[in-house]
Amino acid sequence: MTADVYANDDGLRDGVREFQPEGAAKFEIIADAHADLLGRVGAVLNLLNVAPRAFHMEAGPEGTVTVEAWVDCAESQAELVVRKLQRLTSIRDVVMKYTRTHS
């Protein structure tokens, strides 16, 4: 397995992650219900190089979609992802709540 040093993933030894992120981010995204929304949001979350702990997408009224994703990552990485998500077309709002799990 290879490490991605840009995603702070240089703690892989024998296929086991030694690096533990300092916390977790919850991304709450409100967007227009476009067919490619899931792919575009997924591509941005992929920059974290870790699968979300949880992911929920729900269609709302008037052609909107709410997406929630919980991802273990550093706070600085989460802030970068928020900025990238805000630049996507059809995104109306992005809110990130960060919770520290390690000191």
Protein backbone atom coordinates (compact mmCIF):
# COMPACT_ATOMS: atom_id res chain seq x y z
CA MET A 1 0.00 0.00 0.00
CA THR A 2 1.30 3.47 -0.82
CA ALA A 3 1.05 6.57 1.32
CA ASP A 4 -0.32 9.92 0.24
CA VAL A 5 1.83 12.49 2.02
CA TYR A 6 -0.40 15.34 0.78
CA ALA A 7 -3.33 13.88 2.73
CA ASN A 8 -1.15 13.46 5.84
CA ASP A 9 -1.23 9.71 5.24
CA ASP A 10 2.43 8.90 5.84
CA GLY A 11 1.69 6.71 8.85
CA LEU A 12 0.99 3.48 6.96
CA ARG A 13 3.12 0.60 8.16
CA ASP A 14 2.36 -2.96 7.12
CA GLY A 15 -1.07 -1.86 5.88
CA VAL A 16 -2.07 -0.44 9.28
CA ARG A 17 -2.71 3.25 9.78
CA GLU A 18 -0.54 4.55 12.63
CA PHE A 19 -1.54 8.18 12.14
CA GLN A 20 -4.76 9.14 13.88
CA PRO A 21 -6.52 12.32 12.77
CA GLU A 22 -7.06 14.91 15.47
CA GLY A 23 -10.81 14.90 14.99
CA ALA A 24 -13.74 14.56 12.64
CA ALA A 25 -15.64 16.95 10.41
CA LYS A 26 -19.33 16.92 9.68
CA PHE A 27 -20.11 18.55 6.35
CA GLU A 28 -23.68 19.76 5.79
CA ILE A 29 -24.29 20.68 2.17
CA ILE A 30 -27.42 22.20 0.61
CA ALA A 31 -27.47 22.11 -3.18
CA ASP A 32 -29.67 22.09 -6.25
CA ALA A 33 -30.74 18.57 -7.21
CA HIS A 34 -28.55 18.01 -10.26
CA ALA A 35 -27.87 14.51 -11.56
CA ASP A 36 -24.09 14.83 -11.17
CA LEU A 37 -24.13 16.31 -7.65
CA LEU A 38 -23.15 13.08 -5.91
CA GLY A 39 -20.13 12.62 -8.18
CA ARG A 40 -18.93 16.20 -7.78
CA VAL A 41 -19.28 16.20 -3.98
CA GLY A 42 -17.64 12.76 -3.81
CA ALA A 43 -14.69 13.98 -5.88
CA VAL A 44 -14.05 16.83 -3.42
CA LEU A 45 -14.37 14.55 -0.38
CA ASN A 46 -11.93 12.18 -2.07
CA LEU A 47 -9.23 14.83 -1.53
CA LEU A 48 -9.18 13.70 2.12
CA ASN A 49 -8.05 10.24 0.99
CA VAL A 50 -10.29 8.48 3.51
CA ALA A 51 -13.79 7.06 3.21
CA PRO A 52 -16.48 8.97 5.12
CA ARG A 53 -17.63 7.41 8.38
CA ALA A 54 -21.18 8.18 7.32
CA PHE A 55 -22.79 9.71 4.25
CA HIS A 56 -26.43 10.70 3.83
CA MET A 57 -28.16 12.36 0.88
CA GLU A 58 -31.81 13.33 0.85
CA ALA A 59 -33.97 15.15 -1.68
CA GLY A 60 -35.81 18.12 -0.25
CA PRO A 61 -38.53 20.50 -1.38
CA GLU A 62 -38.26 22.70 -4.43
CA GLY A 63 -35.50 20.72 -6.13
CA THR A 64 -32.90 20.87 -3.38
CA VAL A 65 -30.75 18.15 -1.86
CA THR A 66 -29.19 17.91 1.59
CA VAL A 67 -25.92 16.00 1.88
CA GLU A 68 -24.27 15.16 5.19
CA ALA A 69 -20.88 13.50 5.46
CA TRP A 70 -18.81 12.65 8.55
CA VAL A 71 -15.08 12.27 7.85
CA ASP A 72 -12.05 11.73 10.12
CA CYS A 73 -9.50 14.38 9.17
CA ALA A 74 -7.45 17.32 10.40
CA GLU A 75 -9.29 20.62 10.85
CA SER A 76 -7.14 22.36 8.23
CA GLN A 77 -8.05 19.66 5.71
CA ALA A 78 -11.74 20.09 6.50
CA GLU A 79 -11.49 23.85 5.93
CA LEU A 80 -9.87 23.22 2.54
CA VAL A 81 -12.71 20.86 1.58
CA VAL A 82 -15.31 23.47 2.60
CA ARG A 83 -13.69 26.04 0.30
CA LYS A 84 -13.62 23.53 -2.57
CA LEU A 85 -17.26 22.54 -2.03
CA GLN A 86 -18.37 26.19 -1.98
CA ARG A 87 -16.91 26.64 -5.48
CA LEU A 88 -18.99 23.86 -7.04
CA THR A 89 -21.89 24.94 -9.18
CA SER A 90 -25.32 24.32 -7.70
CA ILE A 91 -24.02 24.38 -4.10
CA ARG A 92 -26.16 26.79 -2.08
CA ASP A 93 -24.56 26.41 1.36
CA VAL A 94 -21.83 24.43 3.13
CA VAL A 95 -21.50 24.23 6.91
CA MET A 96 -18.69 22.33 8.59
CA LYS A 97 -18.70 21.38 12.26
CA TYR A 98 -15.39 20.06 13.57
CA THR A 99 -15.04 17.93 16.69
CA ARG A 100 -11.64 17.18 18.19
CA THR A 101 -11.26 13.59 19.30
CA HIS A 102 -7.52 13.62 20.17
CA SER A 103 -5.50 16.28 21.97
